Amino acid sequence: MGANLSRVHEGNEERPYPGLADIPENCIAGIFKHLSPTDICKLARLNRAFKGAASCDYVWEQKLPVCYQELLSKLPISKPHSIISSY
């Protein structure tokens, strides 16, 4: 989603004001960084822009435990990153 605002059409009438879908994804992601994982997941179900913002790595990085790399290395699989990339 770009930084420009698009007009939303309802029937034949244009709305002169922006909607939630007009907020740039990077702005939404910046807000999501301050929310709980549960709230982020709930909001990601609202629209595509929120879902895209919720998929940003930097939203989730600070929510991981400090020792998450060590925890991943203890998993009984050969490639811990294959779990993450499968979602």
C-alpha atoms as a PDB file:
ATOM      1  CA  MET A   1       0.000   0.000   0.000  1.00  0.00           C
ATOM      2  CA  GLY A   2       1.422   3.352  -0.972  1.00  0.00           C
ATOM      3  CA  ALA A   3       1.626   6.602   0.896  1.00  0.00           C
ATOM      4  CA  ASN A   4      -1.073   8.201  -1.240  1.00  0.00           C
ATOM      5  CA  LEU A   5      -4.679   8.168  -0.166  1.00  0.00           C
ATOM      6  CA  SER A   6      -7.292   6.687  -2.447  1.00  0.00           C
ATOM      7  CA  ARG A   7     -10.931   7.586  -2.538  1.00  0.00           C
ATOM      8  CA  VAL A   8     -13.401   4.948  -1.481  1.00  0.00           C
ATOM      9  CA  HIS A   9     -16.459   4.412  -3.638  1.00  0.00           C
ATOM     10  CA  GLU A  10     -19.829   3.515  -2.200  1.00  0.00           C
ATOM     11  CA  GLY A  11     -22.254   3.009  -5.009  1.00  0.00           C
ATOM     12  CA  ASN A  12     -21.890   5.966  -7.364  1.00  0.00           C
ATOM     13  CA  GLU A  13     -20.847   8.389  -4.660  1.00  0.00           C
ATOM     14  CA  GLU A  14     -17.236   9.195  -3.731  1.00  0.00           C
ATOM     15  CA  ARG A  15     -16.425   9.737  -0.081  1.00  0.00           C
ATOM     16  CA  PRO A  16     -14.265  12.849   0.373  1.00  0.00           C
ATOM     17  CA  TYR A  17     -12.436  11.376   3.369  1.00  0.00           C
ATOM     18  CA  PRO A  18      -9.988   8.476   3.744  1.00  0.00           C
ATOM     19  CA  GLY A  19     -10.833   5.140   5.327  1.00  0.00           C
ATOM     20  CA  LEU A  20      -8.817   2.615   7.332  1.00  0.00           C
ATOM     21  CA  ALA A  21      -7.609   0.938   4.138  1.00  0.00           C
ATOM     22  CA  ASP A  22      -5.933   4.203   3.114  1.00  0.00           C
ATOM     23  CA  ILE A  23      -3.427   4.206   5.986  1.00  0.00           C
ATOM     24  CA  PRO A  24       0.046   3.162   4.745  1.00  0.00           C
ATOM     25  CA  GLU A  25       1.140  -0.298   5.944  1.00  0.00           C
ATOM     26  CA  ASN A  26       4.340   1.013   7.518  1.00  0.00           C
ATOM     27  CA  CYS A  27       2.283   3.378   9.720  1.00  0.00           C
ATOM     28  CA  ILE A  28       0.013   0.537  10.783  1.00  0.00           C
ATOM     29  CA  ALA A  29       3.043  -1.662  11.535  1.00  0.00           C
ATOM     30  CA  GLY A  30       4.487   1.130  13.672  1.00  0.00           C
ATOM     31  CA  ILE A  31       1.324   1.121  15.757  1.00  0.00           C
ATOM     32  CA  PHE A  32       1.196  -2.682  15.891  1.00  0.00           C
ATOM     33  CA  LYS A  33       4.646  -2.749  17.523  1.00  0.00           C
ATOM     34  CA  HIS A  34       3.020  -1.347  20.667  1.00  0.00           C
ATOM     35  CA  LEU A  35       0.130  -3.829  20.826  1.00  0.00           C
ATOM     36  CA  SER A  36      -0.128  -7.309  22.276  1.00  0.00           C
ATOM     37  CA  PRO A  37       0.208 -10.309  19.939  1.00  0.00           C
ATOM     38  CA  THR A  38      -3.464 -11.119  20.527  1.00  0.00           C
ATOM     39  CA  ASP A  39      -4.552  -7.624  19.508  1.00  0.00           C
ATOM     40  CA  ILE A  40      -2.323  -7.681  16.414  1.00  0.00           C
ATOM     41  CA  CYS A  41      -3.863 -10.971  15.287  1.00  0.00           C
ATOM     42  CA  LYS A  42      -7.392  -9.660  15.826  1.00  0.00           C
ATOM     43  CA  LEU A  43      -6.698  -6.492  13.841  1.00  0.00           C
ATOM     44  CA  ALA A  44      -4.991  -8.440  11.040  1.00  0.00           C
ATOM     45  CA  ARG A  45      -8.366  -9.986  10.268  1.00  0.00           C
ATOM     46  CA  LEU A  46      -9.959  -6.601   9.469  1.00  0.00           C
ATOM     47  CA  ASN A  47      -8.454  -5.842   6.048  1.00  0.00           C
ATOM     48  CA  ARG A  48      -5.511  -6.482   3.718  1.00  0.00           C
ATOM     49  CA  ALA A  49      -3.477  -3.506   4.902  1.00  0.00           C
ATOM     50  CA  PHE A  50      -3.687  -4.637   8.517  1.00  0.00           C
ATOM     51  CA  LYS A  51      -2.828  -8.211   7.519  1.00  0.00           C
ATOM     52  CA  GLY A  52       0.211  -6.999   5.578  1.00  0.00           C
ATOM     53  CA  ALA A  53       1.359  -4.835   8.475  1.00  0.00           C
ATOM     54  CA  ALA A  54       0.941  -7.744  10.891  1.00  0.00           C
ATOM     55  CA  SER A  55       3.240  -9.816   8.663  1.00  0.00           C
ATOM     56  CA  CYS A  56       6.182  -7.432   9.093  1.00  0.00           C
ATOM     57  CA  ASP A  57       9.096  -9.033  10.923  1.00  0.00           C
ATOM     58  CA  TYR A  58       9.917  -5.906  12.912  1.00  0.00           C
ATOM     59  CA  VAL A  59       6.446  -5.966  14.486  1.00  0.00           C
ATOM     60  CA  TRP A  60       7.158  -9.394  15.997  1.00  0.00           C
ATOM     61  CA  GLU A  61      10.910  -9.211  16.676  1.00  0.00           C
ATOM     62  CA  GLN A  62      10.557  -7.257  19.898  1.00  0.00           C
ATOM     63  CA  LYS A  63       7.842  -9.628  21.109  1.00  0.00           C
ATOM     64  CA  LEU A  64      10.183 -12.646  20.961  1.00  0.00           C
ATOM     65  CA  PRO A  65      12.095 -13.669  24.082  1.00  0.00           C
ATOM     66  CA  VAL A  66      15.683 -12.430  24.185  1.00  0.00           C
ATOM     67  CA  CYS A  67      16.977 -16.005  23.919  1.00  0.00           C
ATOM     68  CA  TYR A  68      14.757 -17.047  20.989  1.00  0.00           C
ATOM     69  CA  GLN A  69      17.756 -18.037  18.820  1.00  0.00           C
ATOM     70  CA  GLU A  70      18.901 -20.423  21.538  1.00  0.00           C
ATOM     71  CA  LEU A  71      15.394 -21.849  21.841  1.00  0.00           C
ATOM     72  CA  LEU A  72      15.241 -22.421  18.080  1.00  0.00           C
ATOM     73  CA  SER A  73      18.554 -24.258  18.153  1.00  0.00           C
ATOM     74  CA  LYS A  74      17.116 -26.730  20.684  1.00  0.00           C
ATOM     75  CA  LEU A  75      14.290 -27.789  18.384  1.00  0.00           C
ATOM     76  CA  PRO A  76      14.618 -31.384  17.144  1.00  0.00           C
ATOM     77  CA  ILE A  77      14.691 -30.411  13.463  1.00  0.00           C
ATOM     78  CA  SER A  78      17.548 -29.871  11.081  1.00  0.00           C
ATOM     79  CA  LYS A  79      16.456 -26.400   9.888  1.00  0.00           C
ATOM     80  CA  PRO A  80      14.697 -24.250  12.533  1.00  0.00           C
ATOM     81  CA  HIS A  81      14.028 -21.511   9.969  1.00  0.00           C
ATOM     82  CA  SER A  82      11.834 -23.886   7.945  1.00  0.00           C
ATOM     83  CA  ILE A  83       9.232 -23.689  10.711  1.00  0.00           C
ATOM     84  CA  ILE A  84       9.112 -19.909  10.562  1.00  0.00           C
ATOM     85  CA  SER A  85       9.042 -19.674   6.771  1.00  0.00           C
ATOM     86  CA  SER A  86       6.222 -22.212   6.504  1.00  0.00           C
ATOM     87  CA  TYR A  87       3.734 -19.746   8.018  1.00  0.00           C
END
